[in-house]
Amino acid sequence: MVWLGGLITLLTIVLWVYAFFDALTCPAEEVRNLPKVIWLLVIVLFAVIGPLLWLFLGRPITHPGTAVSSSVPVSSADHLDPSDFHRPSGRNRPLGPDDDPEFLRRLDKRINPED
């Protein structure tokens, strides 16, 4: 029964740390229902209830289909044709060691030196 108490304590600590750093790194203008500083205080002061309140009431809502703002542009693969990936690349050299016949010969000689 002691292990159950330890597991619950560990899960509570993980939840608290996740919620605290999530609230800390969240942009202040996207926080819902309370100011960001108040949410941080709620998470710190109410160790079990605070993180749950943050996750359900304070965390910004991200709608499916909306791109998360980042410095890397999001590209879609809708315009690609699967047959494009099977075309030769125009290179004369192999792409990987398993495509290189010379590498495979040397590997075979290392494995079977008698042949």
N, C-alpha and C. Protein backbone atom coordinates (compact mmCIF):
# COMPACT_ATOMS: atom_id res chain seq x y z
N MET A 1 0.82 -1.20 0.00
CA MET A 1 0.00 0.00 0.00
C MET A 1 0.86 1.26 0.00
N VAL A 2 2.08 1.13 0.49
CA VAL A 2 2.98 2.28 0.51
C VAL A 2 3.32 2.71 -0.91
N TRP A 3 3.45 1.75 -1.81
CA TRP A 3 3.80 2.09 -3.18
C TRP A 3 2.70 2.91 -3.86
N LEU A 4 1.45 2.69 -3.47
CA LEU A 4 0.34 3.46 -4.03
C LEU A 4 0.44 4.92 -3.59
N GLY A 5 0.76 5.14 -2.33
CA GLY A 5 0.95 6.51 -1.84
C GLY A 5 2.12 7.18 -2.53
N GLY A 6 3.20 6.43 -2.76
CA GLY A 6 4.36 6.98 -3.46
C GLY A 6 4.03 7.31 -4.91
N LEU A 7 3.24 6.46 -5.55
CA LEU A 7 2.83 6.70 -6.93
C LEU A 7 1.95 7.94 -7.04
N ILE A 8 1.01 8.08 -6.11
CA ILE A 8 0.14 9.26 -6.12
C ILE A 8 0.95 10.52 -5.87
N THR A 9 1.91 10.45 -4.95
CA THR A 9 2.77 11.61 -4.68
C THR A 9 3.60 11.97 -5.91
N LEU A 10 4.15 10.97 -6.57
CA LEU A 10 4.95 11.22 -7.77
C LEU A 10 4.10 11.84 -8.88
N LEU A 11 2.91 11.32 -9.10
CA LEU A 11 2.02 11.88 -10.12
C LEU A 11 1.61 13.32 -9.78
N THR A 12 1.41 13.60 -8.50
CA THR A 12 1.06 14.96 -8.08
C THR A 12 2.22 15.92 -8.36
N ILE A 13 3.44 15.49 -8.08
CA ILE A 13 4.61 16.33 -8.32
C ILE A 13 4.80 16.57 -9.81
N VAL A 14 4.63 15.53 -10.61
CA VAL A 14 4.76 15.68 -12.07
C VAL A 14 3.70 16.63 -12.61
N LEU A 15 2.47 16.49 -12.15
CA LEU A 15 1.39 17.37 -12.58
C LEU A 15 1.68 18.81 -12.17
N TRP A 16 2.16 19.00 -10.95
CA TRP A 16 2.46 20.35 -10.46
C TRP A 16 3.56 21.00 -11.28
N VAL A 17 4.64 20.26 -11.54
CA VAL A 17 5.77 20.81 -12.31
C VAL A 17 5.32 21.13 -13.73
N TYR A 18 4.56 20.22 -14.35
CA TYR A 18 4.09 20.47 -15.71
C TYR A 18 3.21 21.72 -15.78
N ALA A 19 2.26 21.81 -14.88
CA ALA A 19 1.34 22.95 -14.89
C ALA A 19 2.08 24.25 -14.60
N PHE A 20 3.02 24.22 -13.66
CA PHE A 20 3.75 25.45 -13.33
C PHE A 20 4.56 25.95 -14.52
N PHE A 21 5.32 25.06 -15.16
CA PHE A 21 6.13 25.50 -16.29
C PHE A 21 5.28 25.80 -17.52
N ASP A 22 4.17 25.13 -17.67
CA ASP A 22 3.26 25.45 -18.77
C ASP A 22 2.68 26.85 -18.58
N ALA A 23 2.26 27.18 -17.37
CA ALA A 23 1.73 28.52 -17.09
C ALA A 23 2.83 29.57 -17.21
N LEU A 24 4.02 29.22 -16.78
CA LEU A 24 5.13 30.17 -16.83
C LEU A 24 5.52 30.52 -18.26
N THR A 25 5.49 29.55 -19.16
CA THR A 25 5.91 29.79 -20.54
C THR A 25 4.79 30.21 -21.47
N CYS A 26 3.57 30.17 -21.00
CA CYS A 26 2.43 30.56 -21.81
C CYS A 26 2.40 32.09 -21.98
N PRO A 27 2.11 32.58 -23.19
CA PRO A 27 1.99 34.03 -23.37
C PRO A 27 0.84 34.59 -22.52
N ALA A 28 1.09 35.71 -21.87
CA ALA A 28 0.12 36.29 -20.93
C ALA A 28 -1.21 36.65 -21.60
N GLU A 29 -1.18 37.05 -22.87
CA GLU A 29 -2.42 37.45 -23.52
C GLU A 29 -3.30 36.26 -23.92
N GLU A 30 -2.77 35.04 -23.85
CA GLU A 30 -3.55 33.86 -24.22
C GLU A 30 -4.16 33.13 -23.01
N VAL A 31 -3.78 33.53 -21.80
CA VAL A 31 -4.28 32.88 -20.59
C VAL A 31 -5.75 33.22 -20.40
N ARG A 32 -6.54 32.24 -19.99
CA ARG A 32 -7.98 32.44 -19.83
C ARG A 32 -8.35 32.67 -18.37
N ASN A 33 -9.42 33.40 -18.15
CA ASN A 33 -10.15 33.57 -16.88
C ASN A 33 -9.43 34.39 -15.81
N LEU A 34 -8.14 34.29 -15.63
CA LEU A 34 -7.41 35.05 -14.61
C LEU A 34 -6.09 35.55 -15.21
N PRO A 35 -5.51 36.57 -14.63
CA PRO A 35 -4.18 36.99 -15.10
C PRO A 35 -3.14 35.89 -14.84
N LYS A 36 -2.08 35.92 -15.61
CA LYS A 36 -1.05 34.89 -15.54
C LYS A 36 -0.42 34.79 -14.15
N VAL A 37 -0.17 35.91 -13.50
CA VAL A 37 0.46 35.91 -12.18
C VAL A 37 -0.45 35.23 -11.16
N ILE A 38 -1.74 35.47 -11.26
CA ILE A 38 -2.69 34.84 -10.34
C ILE A 38 -2.69 33.32 -10.57
N TRP A 39 -2.66 32.90 -11.83
CA TRP A 39 -2.62 31.47 -12.11
C TRP A 39 -1.37 30.83 -11.52
N LEU A 40 -0.24 31.50 -11.62
CA LEU A 40 0.99 30.95 -11.03
C LEU A 40 0.85 30.82 -9.52
N LEU A 41 0.24 31.81 -8.88
CA LEU A 41 0.02 31.73 -7.43
C LEU A 41 -0.94 30.59 -7.07
N VAL A 42 -2.00 30.43 -7.86
CA VAL A 42 -2.96 29.35 -7.61
C VAL A 42 -2.27 27.99 -7.73
N ILE A 43 -1.42 27.84 -8.73
CA ILE A 43 -0.71 26.57 -8.92
C ILE A 43 0.24 26.30 -7.77
N VAL A 44 0.96 27.34 -7.31
CA VAL A 44 1.93 27.15 -6.23
C VAL A 44 1.24 26.90 -4.89
N LEU A 45 0.19 27.66 -4.60
CA LEU A 45 -0.44 27.56 -3.29
C LEU A 45 -1.35 26.34 -3.12
N PHE A 46 -2.00 25.94 -4.17
CA PHE A 46 -2.92 24.80 -4.10
C PHE A 46 -2.34 23.66 -4.93
N ALA A 47 -1.50 22.86 -4.30
CA ALA A 47 -0.65 21.89 -5.01
C ALA A 47 -1.43 20.87 -5.85
N VAL A 48 -2.57 20.43 -5.42
CA VAL A 48 -3.30 19.42 -6.19
C VAL A 48 -4.37 20.06 -7.06
N ILE A 49 -5.14 20.94 -6.48
CA ILE A 49 -6.26 21.56 -7.19
C ILE A 49 -5.78 22.62 -8.18
N GLY A 50 -4.75 23.37 -7.83
CA GLY A 50 -4.25 24.44 -8.69
C GLY A 50 -3.84 23.99 -10.08
N PRO A 51 -3.01 22.95 -10.20
CA PRO A 51 -2.65 22.48 -11.54
C PRO A 51 -3.85 21.98 -12.35
N LEU A 52 -4.79 21.32 -11.68
CA LEU A 52 -5.98 20.86 -12.40
C LEU A 52 -6.83 22.03 -12.88
N LEU A 53 -6.97 23.05 -12.02
CA LEU A 53 -7.71 24.25 -12.45
C LEU A 53 -7.03 24.91 -13.63
N TRP A 54 -5.69 24.98 -13.59
CA TRP A 54 -4.95 25.58 -14.71
C TRP A 54 -5.21 24.81 -16.01
N LEU A 55 -5.15 23.49 -15.94
CA LEU A 55 -5.31 22.69 -17.15
C LEU A 55 -6.71 22.82 -17.74
N PHE A 56 -7.73 22.94 -16.89
CA PHE A 56 -9.10 22.98 -17.40
C PHE A 56 -9.66 24.39 -17.59
N LEU A 57 -9.17 25.36 -16.81
CA LEU A 57 -9.77 26.69 -16.87
C LEU A 57 -8.83 27.81 -17.33
N GLY A 58 -7.54 27.63 -17.20
CA GLY A 58 -6.65 28.73 -17.49
C GLY A 58 -5.80 28.57 -18.73
N ARG A 59 -5.55 27.35 -19.11
CA ARG A 59 -4.67 27.08 -20.24
C ARG A 59 -5.31 27.56 -21.53
N PRO A 60 -4.51 28.13 -22.44
CA PRO A 60 -5.08 28.58 -23.72
C PRO A 60 -5.64 27.40 -24.51
N ILE A 61 -6.73 27.64 -25.19
CA ILE A 61 -7.35 26.61 -26.00
C ILE A 61 -6.71 26.64 -27.38
N THR A 62 -6.24 25.49 -27.83
CA THR A 62 -5.75 25.38 -29.20
C THR A 62 -6.75 24.55 -29.97
N HIS A 63 -7.27 25.14 -31.03
CA HIS A 63 -8.28 24.47 -31.84
C HIS A 63 -7.59 23.58 -32.86
N PRO A 64 -8.14 22.42 -33.13
CA PRO A 64 -7.56 21.57 -34.17
C PRO A 64 -7.61 22.27 -35.51
N GLY A 65 -6.54 22.14 -36.26
CA GLY A 65 -6.49 22.77 -37.56
C GLY A 65 -5.82 24.12 -37.55
N THR A 66 -5.59 24.70 -36.38
CA THR A 66 -4.88 25.96 -36.32
C THR A 66 -3.42 25.67 -36.08
N ALA A 67 -2.58 26.35 -36.81
CA ALA A 67 -1.14 26.15 -36.67
C ALA A 67 -0.65 26.88 -35.43
N VAL A 68 0.24 26.25 -34.72
CA VAL A 68 0.86 26.87 -33.56
C VAL A 68 1.86 27.89 -34.07
N SER A 69 1.84 29.08 -33.48
CA SER A 69 2.73 30.12 -33.97
C SER A 69 4.16 29.76 -33.62
N SER A 70 5.01 29.76 -34.64
CA SER A 70 6.42 29.48 -34.45
C SER A 70 7.19 30.18 -35.54
N SER A 71 8.49 30.19 -35.40
CA SER A 71 9.32 30.85 -36.40
C SER A 71 9.52 29.97 -37.62
N VAL A 72 9.21 28.69 -37.52
CA VAL A 72 9.36 27.77 -38.64
C VAL A 72 8.04 27.71 -39.40
N PRO A 73 8.05 27.99 -40.69
CA PRO A 73 6.80 27.93 -41.43
C PRO A 73 6.30 26.50 -41.53
N VAL A 74 4.99 26.36 -41.39
CA VAL A 74 4.37 25.04 -41.48
C VAL A 74 4.03 24.79 -42.94
N SER A 75 4.47 23.65 -43.47
CA SER A 75 4.20 23.34 -44.86
C SER A 75 3.28 22.13 -44.94
N SER A 76 2.51 22.09 -45.98
CA SER A 76 1.58 21.00 -46.18
C SER A 76 2.14 20.05 -47.23
N ALA A 77 1.85 18.78 -47.09
CA ALA A 77 2.30 17.78 -48.05
C ALA A 77 1.18 17.41 -49.01
N ASP A 78 0.11 18.21 -49.04
CA ASP A 78 -1.02 17.88 -49.89
C ASP A 78 -0.70 17.98 -51.37
N HIS A 79 0.26 18.82 -51.73
CA HIS A 79 0.58 19.03 -53.14
C HIS A 79 1.56 17.98 -53.67
N LEU A 80 2.08 17.11 -52.82
CA LEU A 80 3.06 16.12 -53.25
C LEU A 80 2.38 14.91 -53.86
N ASP A 81 3.04 14.35 -54.85
CA ASP A 81 2.57 13.13 -55.50
C ASP A 81 3.42 11.97 -55.00
N PRO A 82 2.83 10.88 -54.53
CA PRO A 82 3.63 9.76 -54.01
C PRO A 82 4.60 9.20 -55.04
N SER A 83 4.28 9.32 -56.31
CA SER A 83 5.19 8.78 -57.32
C SER A 83 6.48 9.60 -57.42
N ASP A 84 6.47 10.82 -56.88
CA ASP A 84 7.69 11.64 -56.91
C ASP A 84 8.81 11.03 -56.09
N PHE A 85 8.46 10.25 -55.09
CA PHE A 85 9.47 9.70 -54.20
C PHE A 85 10.18 8.49 -54.79
N HIS A 86 9.65 7.93 -55.86
CA HIS A 86 10.26 6.75 -56.46
C HIS A 86 11.09 7.10 -57.69
N ARG A 87 11.14 8.34 -58.05
CA ARG A 87 11.95 8.76 -59.19
C ARG A 87 13.42 8.80 -58.80
N PRO A 88 14.30 8.50 -59.73
CA PRO A 88 15.72 8.60 -59.41
C PRO A 88 16.09 10.05 -59.15
N SER A 89 17.02 10.24 -58.25
CA SER A 89 17.38 11.59 -57.84
C SER A 89 18.38 12.25 -58.78
N GLY A 90 18.90 11.51 -59.74
CA GLY A 90 19.88 12.09 -60.65
C GLY A 90 21.30 11.94 -60.13
N ARG A 91 21.46 11.34 -58.97
CA ARG A 91 22.78 11.12 -58.41
C ARG A 91 23.35 9.80 -58.93
N ASN A 92 24.66 9.77 -59.11
CA ASN A 92 25.30 8.53 -59.50
C ASN A 92 25.80 7.76 -58.29
N ARG A 93 25.90 8.43 -57.17
CA ARG A 93 26.40 7.76 -55.98
C ARG A 93 25.23 7.20 -55.17
N PRO A 94 25.48 6.15 -54.37
CA PRO A 94 24.41 5.57 -53.56
C PRO A 94 23.96 6.52 -52.45
N LEU A 95 22.73 6.35 -51.99
CA LEU A 95 22.20 7.19 -50.93
C LEU A 95 22.65 6.72 -49.55
N GLY A 96 22.80 5.44 -49.37
CA GLY A 96 23.19 4.91 -48.07
C GLY A 96 24.12 3.74 -48.24
N PRO A 97 24.72 3.26 -47.15
CA PRO A 97 25.66 2.16 -47.26
C PRO A 97 25.03 0.88 -47.80
N ASP A 98 23.76 0.66 -47.51
CA ASP A 98 23.13 -0.56 -48.01
C ASP A 98 22.83 -0.49 -49.50
N ASP A 99 22.97 0.69 -50.12
CA ASP A 99 22.79 0.84 -51.56
C ASP A 99 24.11 0.79 -52.32
N ASP A 100 25.22 0.79 -51.61
CA ASP A 100 26.54 0.82 -52.23
C ASP A 100 27.06 -0.60 -52.42
N PRO A 101 27.19 -1.07 -53.67
CA PRO A 101 27.65 -2.44 -53.88
C PRO A 101 29.07 -2.68 -53.37
N GLU A 102 29.94 -1.69 -53.48
CA GLU A 102 31.31 -1.85 -52.98
C GLU A 102 31.33 -2.03 -51.47
N PHE A 103 30.54 -1.25 -50.76
CA PHE A 103 30.44 -1.39 -49.31
C PHE A 103 29.94 -2.78 -48.92
N LEU A 104 28.94 -3.28 -49.65
CA LEU A 104 28.39 -4.60 -49.36
C LEU A 104 29.42 -5.70 -49.62
N ARG A 105 30.24 -5.54 -50.68
CA ARG A 105 31.29 -6.52 -50.94
C ARG A 105 32.31 -6.53 -49.82
N ARG A 106 32.75 -5.34 -49.38
CA ARG A 106 33.73 -5.28 -48.29
C ARG A 106 33.15 -5.84 -46.99
N LEU A 107 31.89 -5.58 -46.75
CA LEU A 107 31.24 -6.11 -45.55
C LEU A 107 31.15 -7.63 -45.61
N ASP A 108 30.84 -8.16 -46.78
CA ASP A 108 30.77 -9.60 -46.94
C ASP A 108 32.14 -10.24 -46.73
N LYS A 109 33.22 -9.59 -47.20
CA LYS A 109 34.57 -10.11 -46.99
C LYS A 109 34.95 -10.07 -45.52
N ARG A 110 34.51 -9.04 -44.80
CA ARG A 110 34.81 -8.97 -43.36
C ARG A 110 34.07 -10.04 -42.59
N ILE A 111 32.85 -10.35 -43.01
CA ILE A 111 32.05 -11.35 -42.32
C ILE A 111 32.56 -12.77 -42.66
N ASN A 112 32.82 -13.02 -43.92
CA ASN A 112 33.29 -14.34 -44.39
C ASN A 112 34.66 -14.20 -45.03
N PRO A 113 35.72 -14.16 -44.26
CA PRO A 113 37.06 -13.98 -44.86
C PRO A 113 37.51 -15.17 -45.68
N GLU A 114 36.94 -16.37 -45.53
CA GLU A 114 37.37 -17.54 -46.27
C GLU A 114 36.93 -17.49 -47.72
N ASP A 115 35.85 -16.81 -48.02
CA ASP A 115 35.29 -16.82 -49.39
C ASP A 115 36.12 -15.99 -50.33
